[in-house]
Amino acid sequence: MDTLISNAKHYETGEILPEDVYLKLLAARTFRAGSLSLCQIKFATVDLELHSKYVPGGSETIYDVDQRVSKRTQVIPPLPEDRFLCSFSHIFAVDMQQDTVVIRE
């Protein structure tokens, strides 16, 4: 707190940061902290679904799988035209190291 308070001053008046503003900053420190975990869970789940349950030429496209998994793992669902899988290099990984890390955590 001392470092922030000593450096956070109004540029014209020199007034220090009010305590209520400092407390809001402190509370916001963990805002969306779980988003990265949810993202990794989505990556791992999509990867596992496509490698274990996806049937090429079946009733579901790879994008349907991605949308279905996203609805369970994301706070804000992706747009219907989302094509994240086109750049998802993790899907072609030889090992399942990342999935193992996510499952372990």
PDB file of N, CA and C in Angstrom:
ATOM      1  N   MET A   1       0.828  -1.192   0.000  1.00  0.00           N
ATOM      2  CA  MET A   1       0.000   0.000   0.000  1.00  0.00           C
ATOM      3  C   MET A   1       0.869   1.251   0.000  1.00  0.00           C
ATOM      4  N   ASP A   2       1.934   1.235   0.757  1.00  0.00           N
ATOM      5  CA  ASP A   2       2.778   2.418   0.864  1.00  0.00           C
ATOM      6  C   ASP A   2       3.312   2.860  -0.493  1.00  0.00           C
ATOM      7  N   THR A   3       3.727   1.899  -1.319  1.00  0.00           N
ATOM      8  CA  THR A   3       4.280   2.237  -2.630  1.00  0.00           C
ATOM      9  C   THR A   3       3.217   2.881  -3.502  1.00  0.00           C
ATOM     10  N   LEU A   4       2.041   2.301  -3.532  1.00  0.00           N
ATOM     11  CA  LEU A   4       0.960   2.854  -4.352  1.00  0.00           C
ATOM     12  C   LEU A   4       0.565   4.237  -3.858  1.00  0.00           C
ATOM     13  N   ILE A   5       0.357   4.365  -2.578  1.00  0.00           N
ATOM     14  CA  ILE A   5      -0.065   5.650  -2.017  1.00  0.00           C
ATOM     15  C   ILE A   5       0.994   6.730  -2.255  1.00  0.00           C
ATOM     16  N   SER A   6       2.244   6.367  -2.120  1.00  0.00           N
ATOM     17  CA  SER A   6       3.292   7.372  -2.293  1.00  0.00           C
ATOM     18  C   SER A   6       3.464   7.801  -3.752  1.00  0.00           C
ATOM     19  N   ASN A   7       3.062   6.946  -4.682  1.00  0.00           N
ATOM     20  CA  ASN A   7       3.217   7.280  -6.104  1.00  0.00           C
ATOM     21  C   ASN A   7       1.923   7.728  -6.777  1.00  0.00           C
ATOM     22  N   ALA A   8       0.809   7.384  -6.199  1.00  0.00           N
ATOM     23  CA  ALA A   8      -0.485   7.695  -6.816  1.00  0.00           C
ATOM     24  C   ALA A   8      -0.981   9.045  -6.313  1.00  0.00           C
ATOM     25  N   LYS A   9      -0.592  10.078  -7.007  1.00  0.00           N
ATOM     26  CA  LYS A   9      -1.000  11.433  -6.634  1.00  0.00           C
ATOM     27  C   LYS A   9      -1.586  12.134  -7.855  1.00  0.00           C
ATOM     28  N   HIS A  10      -2.521  13.012  -7.595  1.00  0.00           N
ATOM     29  CA  HIS A  10      -3.131  13.776  -8.674  1.00  0.00           C
ATOM     30  C   HIS A  10      -2.063  14.622  -9.354  1.00  0.00           C
ATOM     31  N   TYR A  11      -2.090  14.659 -10.661  1.00  0.00           N
ATOM     32  CA  TYR A  11      -1.014  15.326 -11.399  1.00  0.00           C
ATOM     33  C   TYR A  11      -0.987  16.838 -11.214  1.00  0.00           C
ATOM     34  N   GLU A  12      -2.113  17.436 -10.866  1.00  0.00           N
ATOM     35  CA  GLU A  12      -2.133  18.891 -10.672  1.00  0.00           C
ATOM     36  C   GLU A  12      -2.093  19.293  -9.201  1.00  0.00           C
ATOM     37  N   THR A  13      -2.910  18.614  -8.394  1.00  0.00           N
ATOM     38  CA  THR A  13      -3.047  19.031  -6.993  1.00  0.00           C
ATOM     39  C   THR A  13      -2.081  18.322  -6.057  1.00  0.00           C
ATOM     40  N   GLY A  14      -1.561  17.160  -6.475  1.00  0.00           N
ATOM     41  CA  GLY A  14      -0.686  16.390  -5.591  1.00  0.00           C
ATOM     42  C   GLY A  14      -1.438  15.604  -4.535  1.00  0.00           C
ATOM     43  N   GLU A  15      -2.782  15.673  -4.599  1.00  0.00           N
ATOM     44  CA  GLU A  15      -3.609  14.948  -3.626  1.00  0.00           C
ATOM     45  C   GLU A  15      -3.347  13.445  -3.763  1.00  0.00           C
ATOM     46  N   ILE A  16      -3.198  12.781  -2.615  1.00  0.00           N
ATOM     47  CA  ILE A  16      -2.933  11.337  -2.651  1.00  0.00           C
ATOM     48  C   ILE A  16      -4.212  10.579  -2.984  1.00  0.00           C
ATOM     49  N   LEU A  17      -4.028   9.352  -3.375  1.00  0.00           N
ATOM     50  CA  LEU A  17      -5.139   8.480  -3.740  1.00  0.00           C
ATOM     51  C   LEU A  17      -6.056   8.278  -2.534  1.00  0.00           C
ATOM     52  N   PRO A  18      -7.346   8.563  -2.677  1.00  0.00           N
ATOM     53  CA  PRO A  18      -8.277   8.357  -1.554  1.00  0.00           C
ATOM     54  C   PRO A  18      -8.349   6.879  -1.166  1.00  0.00           C
ATOM     55  N   GLU A  19      -8.555   6.626   0.092  1.00  0.00           N
ATOM     56  CA  GLU A  19      -8.567   5.250   0.582  1.00  0.00           C
ATOM     57  C   GLU A  19      -9.668   4.419  -0.065  1.00  0.00           C
ATOM     58  N   ASP A  20     -10.851   5.004  -0.303  1.00  0.00           N
ATOM     59  CA  ASP A  20     -11.935   4.237  -0.921  1.00  0.00           C
ATOM     60  C   ASP A  20     -11.558   3.777  -2.335  1.00  0.00           C
ATOM     61  N   VAL A  21     -10.838   4.620  -3.067  1.00  0.00           N
ATOM     62  CA  VAL A  21     -10.377   4.241  -4.405  1.00  0.00           C
ATOM     63  C   VAL A  21      -9.324   3.148  -4.296  1.00  0.00           C
ATOM     64  N   TYR A  22      -8.431   3.288  -3.339  1.00  0.00           N
ATOM     65  CA  TYR A  22      -7.418   2.252  -3.114  1.00  0.00           C
ATOM     66  C   TYR A  22      -8.074   0.911  -2.799  1.00  0.00           C
ATOM     67  N   LEU A  23      -9.096   0.917  -1.954  1.00  0.00           N
ATOM     68  CA  LEU A  23      -9.779  -0.327  -1.592  1.00  0.00           C
ATOM     69  C   LEU A  23     -10.475  -0.950  -2.805  1.00  0.00           C
ATOM     70  N   LYS A  24     -11.012  -0.128  -3.698  1.00  0.00           N
ATOM     71  CA  LYS A  24     -11.620  -0.642  -4.936  1.00  0.00           C
ATOM     72  C   LYS A  24     -10.566  -1.289  -5.832  1.00  0.00           C
ATOM     73  N   LEU A  25      -9.405  -0.640  -5.931  1.00  0.00           N
ATOM     74  CA  LEU A  25      -8.303  -1.218  -6.713  1.00  0.00           C
ATOM     75  C   LEU A  25      -7.865  -2.552  -6.126  1.00  0.00           C
ATOM     76  N   LEU A  26      -7.768  -2.579  -4.824  1.00  0.00           N
ATOM     77  CA  LEU A  26      -7.360  -3.807  -4.141  1.00  0.00           C
ATOM     78  C   LEU A  26      -8.369  -4.931  -4.379  1.00  0.00           C
ATOM     79  N   ALA A  27      -9.655  -4.604  -4.304  1.00  0.00           N
ATOM     80  CA  ALA A  27     -10.710  -5.604  -4.533  1.00  0.00           C
ATOM     81  C   ALA A  27     -10.711  -6.089  -5.977  1.00  0.00           C
ATOM     82  N   ALA A  28     -10.379  -5.209  -6.923  1.00  0.00           N
ATOM     83  CA  ALA A  28     -10.389  -5.561  -8.342  1.00  0.00           C
ATOM     84  C   ALA A  28      -9.181  -6.397  -8.740  1.00  0.00           C
ATOM     85  N   ARG A  29      -8.247  -6.536  -7.850  1.00  0.00           N
ATOM     86  CA  ARG A  29      -7.014  -7.272  -8.145  1.00  0.00           C
ATOM     87  C   ARG A  29      -7.287  -8.703  -8.613  1.00  0.00           C
ATOM     88  N   THR A  30      -8.315  -9.307  -8.081  1.00  0.00           N
ATOM     89  CA  THR A  30      -8.627 -10.689  -8.443  1.00  0.00           C
ATOM     90  C   THR A  30      -9.809 -10.802  -9.410  1.00  0.00           C
ATOM     91  N   PHE A  31     -10.267  -9.657  -9.925  1.00  0.00           N
ATOM     92  CA  PHE A  31     -11.379  -9.683 -10.876  1.00  0.00           C
ATOM     93  C   PHE A  31     -11.009 -10.546 -12.073  1.00  0.00           C
ATOM     94  N   ARG A  32     -11.854 -11.482 -12.398  1.00  0.00           N
ATOM     95  CA  ARG A  32     -11.683 -12.406 -13.524  1.00  0.00           C
ATOM     96  C   ARG A  32     -10.455 -13.298 -13.389  1.00  0.00           C
ATOM     97  N   ALA A  33     -10.025 -13.531 -12.163  1.00  0.00           N
ATOM     98  CA  ALA A  33      -8.854 -14.370 -11.938  1.00  0.00           C
ATOM     99  C   ALA A  33      -9.084 -15.798 -12.440  1.00  0.00           C
ATOM    100  N   GLY A  34     -10.315 -16.249 -12.424  1.00  0.00           N
ATOM    101  CA  GLY A  34     -10.609 -17.604 -12.874  1.00  0.00           C
ATOM    102  C   GLY A  34     -10.747 -17.743 -14.379  1.00  0.00           C
ATOM    103  N   SER A  35     -10.728 -16.633 -15.107  1.00  0.00           N
ATOM    104  CA  SER A  35     -10.925 -16.683 -16.559  1.00  0.00           C
ATOM    105  C   SER A  35      -9.857 -17.508 -17.273  1.00  0.00           C
ATOM    106  N   LEU A  36      -8.618 -17.368 -16.850  1.00  0.00           N
ATOM    107  CA  LEU A  36      -7.545 -18.137 -17.481  1.00  0.00           C
ATOM    108  C   LEU A  36      -7.740 -19.626 -17.243  1.00  0.00           C
ATOM    109  N   SER A  37      -8.149 -19.986 -16.034  1.00  0.00           N
ATOM    110  CA  SER A  37      -8.411 -21.404 -15.739  1.00  0.00           C
ATOM    111  C   SER A  37      -9.541 -21.934 -16.603  1.00  0.00           C
ATOM    112  N   LEU A  38     -10.610 -21.146 -16.737  1.00  0.00           N
ATOM    113  CA  LEU A  38     -11.725 -21.574 -17.585  1.00  0.00           C
ATOM    114  C   LEU A  38     -11.286 -21.749 -19.028  1.00  0.00           C
ATOM    115  N   CYS A  39     -10.433 -20.871 -19.484  1.00  0.00           N
ATOM    116  CA  CYS A  39      -9.921 -20.962 -20.852  1.00  0.00           C
ATOM    117  C   CYS A  39      -9.132 -22.253 -21.041  1.00  0.00           C
ATOM    118  N   GLN A  40      -8.276 -22.569 -20.101  1.00  0.00           N
ATOM    119  CA  GLN A  40      -7.483 -23.799 -20.187  1.00  0.00           C
ATOM    120  C   GLN A  40      -8.377 -25.031 -20.098  1.00  0.00           C
ATOM    121  N   ILE A  41      -9.404 -24.966 -19.277  1.00  0.00           N
ATOM    122  CA  ILE A  41     -10.354 -26.083 -19.181  1.00  0.00           C
ATOM    123  C   ILE A  41     -11.062 -26.272 -20.517  1.00  0.00           C
ATOM    124  N   LYS A  42     -11.430 -25.172 -21.168  1.00  0.00           N
ATOM    125  CA  LYS A  42     -12.067 -25.271 -22.483  1.00  0.00           C
ATOM    126  C   LYS A  42     -11.121 -25.923 -23.481  1.00  0.00           C
ATOM    127  N   PHE A  43      -9.865 -25.450 -23.537  1.00  0.00           N
ATOM    128  CA  PHE A  43      -8.895 -26.018 -24.474  1.00  0.00           C
ATOM    129  C   PHE A  43      -8.764 -27.524 -24.272  1.00  0.00           C
ATOM    130  N   ALA A  44      -8.588 -27.928 -23.024  1.00  0.00           N
ATOM    131  CA  ALA A  44      -8.401 -29.347 -22.723  1.00  0.00           C
ATOM    132  C   ALA A  44      -9.649 -30.157 -23.061  1.00  0.00           C
ATOM    133  N   THR A  45     -10.818 -29.622 -22.731  1.00  0.00           N
ATOM    134  CA  THR A  45     -12.061 -30.353 -22.980  1.00  0.00           C
ATOM    135  C   THR A  45     -12.340 -30.493 -24.474  1.00  0.00           C
ATOM    136  N   VAL A  46     -12.131 -29.429 -25.236  1.00  0.00           N
ATOM    137  CA  VAL A  46     -12.313 -29.509 -26.690  1.00  0.00           C
ATOM    138  C   VAL A  46     -11.356 -30.543 -27.265  1.00  0.00           C
ATOM    139  N   ASP A  47     -10.107 -30.491 -26.829  1.00  0.00           N
ATOM    140  CA  ASP A  47      -9.100 -31.437 -27.312  1.00  0.00           C
ATOM    141  C   ASP A  47      -9.520 -32.872 -27.017  1.00  0.00           C
ATOM    142  N   LEU A  48      -9.918 -33.123 -25.787  1.00  0.00           N
ATOM    143  CA  LEU A  48     -10.326 -34.485 -25.398  1.00  0.00           C
ATOM    144  C   LEU A  48     -11.585 -34.931 -26.140  1.00  0.00           C
ATOM    145  N   GLU A  49     -12.547 -34.032 -26.276  1.00  0.00           N
ATOM    146  CA  GLU A  49     -13.786 -34.365 -26.998  1.00  0.00           C
ATOM    147  C   GLU A  49     -13.496 -34.730 -28.456  1.00  0.00           C
ATOM    148  N   LEU A  50     -12.663 -33.920 -29.106  1.00  0.00           N
ATOM    149  CA  LEU A  50     -12.375 -34.175 -30.516  1.00  0.00           C
ATOM    150  C   LEU A  50     -11.566 -35.446 -30.710  1.00  0.00           C
ATOM    151  N   HIS A  51     -10.689 -35.763 -29.761  1.00  0.00           N
ATOM    152  CA  HIS A  51      -9.869 -36.965 -29.887  1.00  0.00           C
ATOM    153  C   HIS A  51     -10.589 -38.235 -29.450  1.00  0.00           C
ATOM    154  N   SER A  52     -11.608 -38.105 -28.616  1.00  0.00           N
ATOM    155  CA  SER A  52     -12.239 -39.320 -28.096  1.00  0.00           C
ATOM    156  C   SER A  52     -13.665 -39.557 -28.574  1.00  0.00           C
ATOM    157  N   LYS A  53     -14.419 -38.493 -28.875  1.00  0.00           N
ATOM    158  CA  LYS A  53     -15.835 -38.684 -29.192  1.00  0.00           C
ATOM    159  C   LYS A  53     -16.250 -38.188 -30.573  1.00  0.00           C
ATOM    160  N   TYR A  54     -15.466 -37.329 -31.181  1.00  0.00           N
ATOM    161  CA  TYR A  54     -15.855 -36.754 -32.471  1.00  0.00           C
ATOM    162  C   TYR A  54     -15.847 -37.811 -33.563  1.00  0.00           C
ATOM    163  N   VAL A  55     -16.897 -37.803 -34.382  1.00  0.00           N
ATOM    164  CA  VAL A  55     -17.014 -38.726 -35.511  1.00  0.00           C
ATOM    165  C   VAL A  55     -16.992 -37.898 -36.799  1.00  0.00           C
ATOM    166  N   PRO A  56     -15.898 -37.978 -37.567  1.00  0.00           N
ATOM    167  CA  PRO A  56     -15.854 -37.220 -38.826  1.00  0.00           C
ATOM    168  C   PRO A  56     -17.031 -37.602 -39.724  1.00  0.00           C
ATOM    169  N   GLY A  57     -17.692 -36.607 -40.267  1.00  0.00           N
ATOM    170  CA  GLY A  57     -18.851 -36.865 -41.119  1.00  0.00           C
ATOM    171  C   GLY A  57     -20.114 -37.164 -40.336  1.00  0.00           C
ATOM    172  N   GLY A  58     -20.033 -37.108 -39.013  1.00  0.00           N
ATOM    173  CA  GLY A  58     -21.200 -37.381 -38.166  1.00  0.00           C
ATOM    174  C   GLY A  58     -22.135 -36.187 -38.100  1.00  0.00           C
ATOM    175  N   SER A  59     -23.009 -36.209 -37.130  1.00  0.00           N
ATOM    176  CA  SER A  59     -24.020 -35.155 -37.018  1.00  0.00           C
ATOM    177  C   SER A  59     -23.461 -33.837 -36.498  1.00  0.00           C
ATOM    178  N   GLU A  60     -22.310 -33.888 -35.827  1.00  0.00           N
ATOM    179  CA  GLU A  60     -21.701 -32.685 -35.266  1.00  0.00           C
ATOM    180  C   GLU A  60     -20.424 -32.316 -36.008  1.00  0.00           C
ATOM    181  N   THR A  61     -20.267 -31.037 -36.322  1.00  0.00           N
ATOM    182  CA  THR A  61     -19.004 -30.572 -36.894  1.00  0.00           C
ATOM    183  C   THR A  61     -18.046 -30.280 -35.745  1.00  0.00           C
ATOM    184  N   ILE A  62     -16.788 -30.057 -36.076  1.00  0.00           N
ATOM    185  CA  ILE A  62     -15.834 -29.703 -35.031  1.00  0.00           C
ATOM    186  C   ILE A  62     -16.234 -28.379 -34.378  1.00  0.00           C
ATOM    187  N   TYR A  63     -16.869 -27.511 -35.159  1.00  0.00           N
ATOM    188  CA  TYR A  63     -17.306 -26.223 -34.617  1.00  0.00           C
ATOM    189  C   TYR A  63     -18.494 -26.397 -33.676  1.00  0.00           C
ATOM    190  N   ASP A  64     -19.343 -27.380 -33.952  1.00  0.00           N
ATOM    191  CA  ASP A  64     -20.437 -27.694 -33.031  1.00  0.00           C
ATOM    192  C   ASP A  64     -19.878 -28.172 -31.694  1.00  0.00           C
ATOM    193  N   VAL A  65     -18.854 -29.007 -31.753  1.00  0.00           N
ATOM    194  CA  VAL A  65     -18.213 -29.504 -30.526  1.00  0.00           C
ATOM    195  C   VAL A  65     -17.645 -28.325 -29.739  1.00  0.00           C
ATOM    196  N   ASP A  66     -16.951 -27.435 -30.423  1.00  0.00           N
ATOM    197  CA  ASP A  66     -16.374 -26.266 -29.775  1.00  0.00           C
ATOM    198  C   ASP A  66     -17.468 -25.416 -29.120  1.00  0.00           C
ATOM    199  N   GLN A  67     -18.553 -25.185 -29.822  1.00  0.00           N
ATOM    200  CA  GLN A  67     -19.664 -24.393 -29.268  1.00  0.00           C
ATOM    201  C   GLN A  67     -20.279 -25.079 -28.048  1.00  0.00           C
ATOM    202  N   ARG A  68     -20.468 -26.388 -28.142  1.00  0.00           N
ATOM    203  CA  ARG A  68     -21.067 -27.146 -27.037  1.00  0.00           C
ATOM    204  C   ARG A  68     -20.192 -27.069 -25.792  1.00  0.00           C
ATOM    205  N   VAL A  69     -18.893 -27.279 -25.969  1.00  0.00           N
ATOM    206  CA  VAL A  69     -17.961 -27.214 -24.844  1.00  0.00           C
ATOM    207  C   VAL A  69     -17.899 -25.797 -24.283  1.00  0.00           C
ATOM    208  N   SER A  70     -17.898 -24.808 -25.159  1.00  0.00           N
ATOM    209  CA  SER A  70     -17.824 -23.409 -24.720  1.00  0.00           C
ATOM    210  C   SER A  70     -19.012 -23.022 -23.847  1.00  0.00           C
ATOM    211  N   LYS A  71     -20.175 -23.543 -24.167  1.00  0.00           N
ATOM    212  CA  LYS A  71     -21.359 -23.238 -23.357  1.00  0.00           C
ATOM    213  C   LYS A  71     -21.204 -23.728 -21.922  1.00  0.00           C
ATOM    214  N   ARG A  72     -20.432 -24.792 -21.732  1.00  0.00           N
ATOM    215  CA  ARG A  72     -20.210 -25.339 -20.381  1.00  0.00           C
ATOM    216  C   ARG A  72     -19.025 -24.714 -19.670  1.00  0.00           C
ATOM    217  N   THR A  73     -18.098 -24.116 -20.411  1.00  0.00           N
ATOM    218  CA  THR A  73     -16.845 -23.698 -19.795  1.00  0.00           C
ATOM    219  C   THR A  73     -16.550 -22.205 -19.877  1.00  0.00           C
ATOM    220  N   GLN A  74     -17.340 -21.443 -20.596  1.00  0.00           N
ATOM    221  CA  GLN A  74     -17.048 -20.028 -20.767  1.00  0.00           C
ATOM    222  C   GLN A  74     -18.157 -19.170 -20.164  1.00  0.00           C
ATOM    223  N   VAL A  75     -17.780 -18.035 -19.616  1.00  0.00           N
ATOM    224  CA  VAL A  75     -18.751 -17.106 -19.053  1.00  0.00           C
ATOM    225  C   VAL A  75     -19.537 -16.446 -20.185  1.00  0.00           C
ATOM    226  N   ILE A  76     -18.835 -16.041 -21.222  1.00  0.00           N
ATOM    227  CA  ILE A  76     -19.461 -15.439 -22.397  1.00  0.00           C
ATOM    228  C   ILE A  76     -19.282 -16.410 -23.557  1.00  0.00           C
ATOM    229  N   PRO A  77     -20.379 -16.948 -24.080  1.00  0.00           N
ATOM    230  CA  PRO A  77     -20.249 -17.924 -25.173  1.00  0.00           C
ATOM    231  C   PRO A  77     -19.664 -17.269 -26.428  1.00  0.00           C
ATOM    232  N   PRO A  78     -18.956 -18.052 -27.235  1.00  0.00           N
ATOM    233  CA  PRO A  78     -18.386 -17.492 -28.466  1.00  0.00           C
ATOM    234  C   PRO A  78     -19.489 -17.175 -29.478  1.00  0.00           C
ATOM    235  N   LEU A  79     -19.152 -16.332 -30.424  1.00  0.00           N
ATOM    236  CA  LEU A  79     -20.089 -16.019 -31.502  1.00  0.00           C
ATOM    237  C   LEU A  79     -20.304 -17.270 -32.354  1.00  0.00           C
ATOM    238  N   PRO A  80     -21.448 -17.416 -32.970  1.00  0.00           N
ATOM    239  CA  PRO A  80     -21.710 -18.595 -33.813  1.00  0.00           C
ATOM    240  C   PRO A  80     -20.681 -18.761 -34.930  1.00  0.00           C
ATOM    241  N   GLU A  81     -20.143 -17.660 -35.444  1.00  0.00           N
ATOM    242  CA  GLU A  81     -19.166 -17.740 -36.534  1.00  0.00           C
ATOM    243  C   GLU A  81     -17.732 -17.892 -36.041  1.00  0.00           C
ATOM    244  N   ASP A  82     -17.549 -18.076 -34.751  1.00  0.00           N
ATOM    245  CA  ASP A  82     -16.202 -18.241 -34.190  1.00  0.00           C
ATOM    246  C   ASP A  82     -15.515 -19.454 -34.816  1.00  0.00           C
ATOM    247  N   ARG A  83     -14.269 -19.279 -35.230  1.00  0.00           N
ATOM    248  CA  ARG A  83     -13.498 -20.368 -35.827  1.00  0.00           C
ATOM    249  C   ARG A  83     -12.151 -20.510 -35.123  1.00  0.00           C
ATOM    250  N   PHE A  84     -12.198 -20.409 -33.811  1.00  0.00           N
ATOM    251  CA  PHE A  84     -11.018 -20.555 -32.977  1.00  0.00           C
ATOM    252  C   PHE A  84     -10.232 -21.827 -33.328  1.00  0.00           C
ATOM    253  N   LEU A  85     -10.939 -22.883 -33.631  1.00  0.00           N
ATOM    254  CA  LEU A  85     -10.272 -24.167 -33.900  1.00  0.00           C
ATOM    255  C   LEU A  85      -9.308 -24.102 -35.084  1.00  0.00           C
ATOM    256  N   CYS A  86      -9.519 -23.171 -35.988  1.00  0.00           N
ATOM    257  CA  CYS A  86      -8.618 -23.047 -37.138  1.00  0.00           C
ATOM    258  C   CYS A  86      -7.201 -22.680 -36.717  1.00  0.00           C
ATOM    259  N   SER A  87      -7.057 -22.063 -35.569  1.00  0.00           N
ATOM    260  CA  SER A  87      -5.726 -21.670 -35.099  1.00  0.00           C
ATOM    261  C   SER A  87      -5.338 -22.377 -33.803  1.00  0.00           C
ATOM    262  N   PHE A  88      -6.067 -23.387 -33.425  1.00  0.00           N
ATOM    263  CA  PHE A  88      -5.831 -24.115 -32.172  1.00  0.00           C
ATOM    264  C   PHE A  88      -4.778 -25.188 -32.402  1.00  0.00           C
ATOM    265  N   SER A  89      -3.517 -24.807 -32.299  1.00  0.00           N
ATOM    266  CA  SER A  89      -2.435 -25.754 -32.583  1.00  0.00           C
ATOM    267  C   SER A  89      -2.339 -26.855 -31.544  1.00  0.00           C
ATOM    268  N   HIS A  90      -2.878 -26.610 -30.366  1.00  0.00           N
ATOM    269  CA  HIS A  90      -2.864 -27.609 -29.298  1.00  0.00           C
ATOM    270  C   HIS A  90      -3.550 -28.901 -29.745  1.00  0.00           C
ATOM    271  N   ILE A  91      -4.505 -28.762 -30.637  1.00  0.00           N
ATOM    272  CA  ILE A  91      -5.287 -29.905 -31.094  1.00  0.00           C
ATOM    273  C   ILE A  91      -4.411 -30.942 -31.814  1.00  0.00           C
ATOM    274  N   PHE A  92      -3.274 -30.483 -32.330  1.00  0.00           N
ATOM    275  CA  PHE A  92      -2.405 -31.379 -33.073  1.00  0.00           C
ATOM    276  C   PHE A  92      -1.213 -31.850 -32.254  1.00  0.00           C
ATOM    277  N   ALA A  93      -1.230 -31.580 -30.962  1.00  0.00           N
ATOM    278  CA  ALA A  93      -0.109 -31.978 -30.102  1.00  0.00           C
ATOM    279  C   ALA A  93      -0.015 -33.490 -30.044  1.00  0.00           C
ATOM    280  N   VAL A  94       1.216 -33.988 -30.051  1.00  0.00           N
ATOM    281  CA  VAL A  94       1.435 -35.431 -29.999  1.00  0.00           C
ATOM    282  C   VAL A  94       1.101 -35.969 -28.621  1.00  0.00           C
ATOM    283  N   ASP A  95       1.462 -35.218 -27.590  1.00  0.00           N
ATOM    284  CA  ASP A  95       1.172 -35.694 -26.239  1.00  0.00           C
ATOM    285  C   ASP A  95       0.019 -34.906 -25.635  1.00  0.00           C
ATOM    286  N   MET A  96      -0.412 -35.341 -24.509  1.00  0.00           N
ATOM    287  CA  MET A  96      -1.532 -34.707 -23.831  1.00  0.00           C
ATOM    288  C   MET A  96      -1.039 -33.941 -22.608  1.00  0.00           C
ATOM    289  N   GLN A  97       0.147 -33.401 -22.680  1.00  0.00           N
ATOM    290  CA  GLN A  97       0.753 -32.729 -21.537  1.00  0.00           C
ATOM    291  C   GLN A  97      -0.139 -31.608 -21.001  1.00  0.00           C
ATOM    292  N   GLN A  98      -0.638 -30.751 -21.864  1.00  0.00           N
ATOM    293  CA  GLN A  98      -1.453 -29.631 -21.392  1.00  0.00           C
ATOM    294  C   GLN A  98      -2.733 -30.128 -20.737  1.00  0.00           C
ATOM    295  N   ASP A  99      -3.369 -31.150 -21.337  1.00  0.00           N
ATOM    296  CA  ASP A  99      -4.586 -31.686 -20.747  1.00  0.00           C
ATOM    297  C   ASP A  99      -4.281 -32.262 -19.370  1.00  0.00           C
ATOM    298  N   THR A 100      -3.143 -32.923 -19.238  1.00  0.00           N
ATOM    299  CA  THR A 100      -2.758 -33.490 -17.960  1.00  0.00           C
ATOM    300  C   THR A 100      -2.535 -32.404 -16.918  1.00  0.00           C
ATOM    301  N   VAL A 101      -1.939 -31.300 -17.331  1.00  0.00           N
ATOM    302  CA  VAL A 101      -1.714 -30.172 -16.404  1.00  0.00           C
ATOM    303  C   VAL A 101      -3.045 -29.631 -15.926  1.00  0.00           C
ATOM    304  N   VAL A 102      -3.983 -29.433 -16.841  1.00  0.00           N
ATOM    305  CA  VAL A 102      -5.295 -28.880 -16.478  1.00  0.00           C
ATOM    306  C   VAL A 102      -6.026 -29.837 -15.565  1.00  0.00           C
ATOM    307  N   ILE A 103      -6.032 -31.112 -15.892  1.00  0.00           N
ATOM    308  CA  ILE A 103      -6.741 -32.095 -15.074  1.00  0.00           C
ATOM    309  C   ILE A 103      -6.113 -32.177 -13.680  1.00  0.00           C
ATOM    310  N   ARG A 104      -4.791 -32.121 -13.620  1.00  0.00           N
ATOM    311  CA  ARG A 104      -4.091 -32.192 -12.335  1.00  0.00           C
ATOM    312  C   ARG A 104      -4.441 -30.998 -11.462  1.00  0.00           C
ATOM    313  N   GLU A 105      -4.535 -29.803 -12.069  1.00  0.00           N
ATOM    314  CA  GLU A 105      -4.844 -28.604 -11.302  1.00  0.00           C
ATOM    315  C   GLU A 105      -6.273 -28.605 -10.860  1.00  0.00           C
TER     316      GLU A 105
END
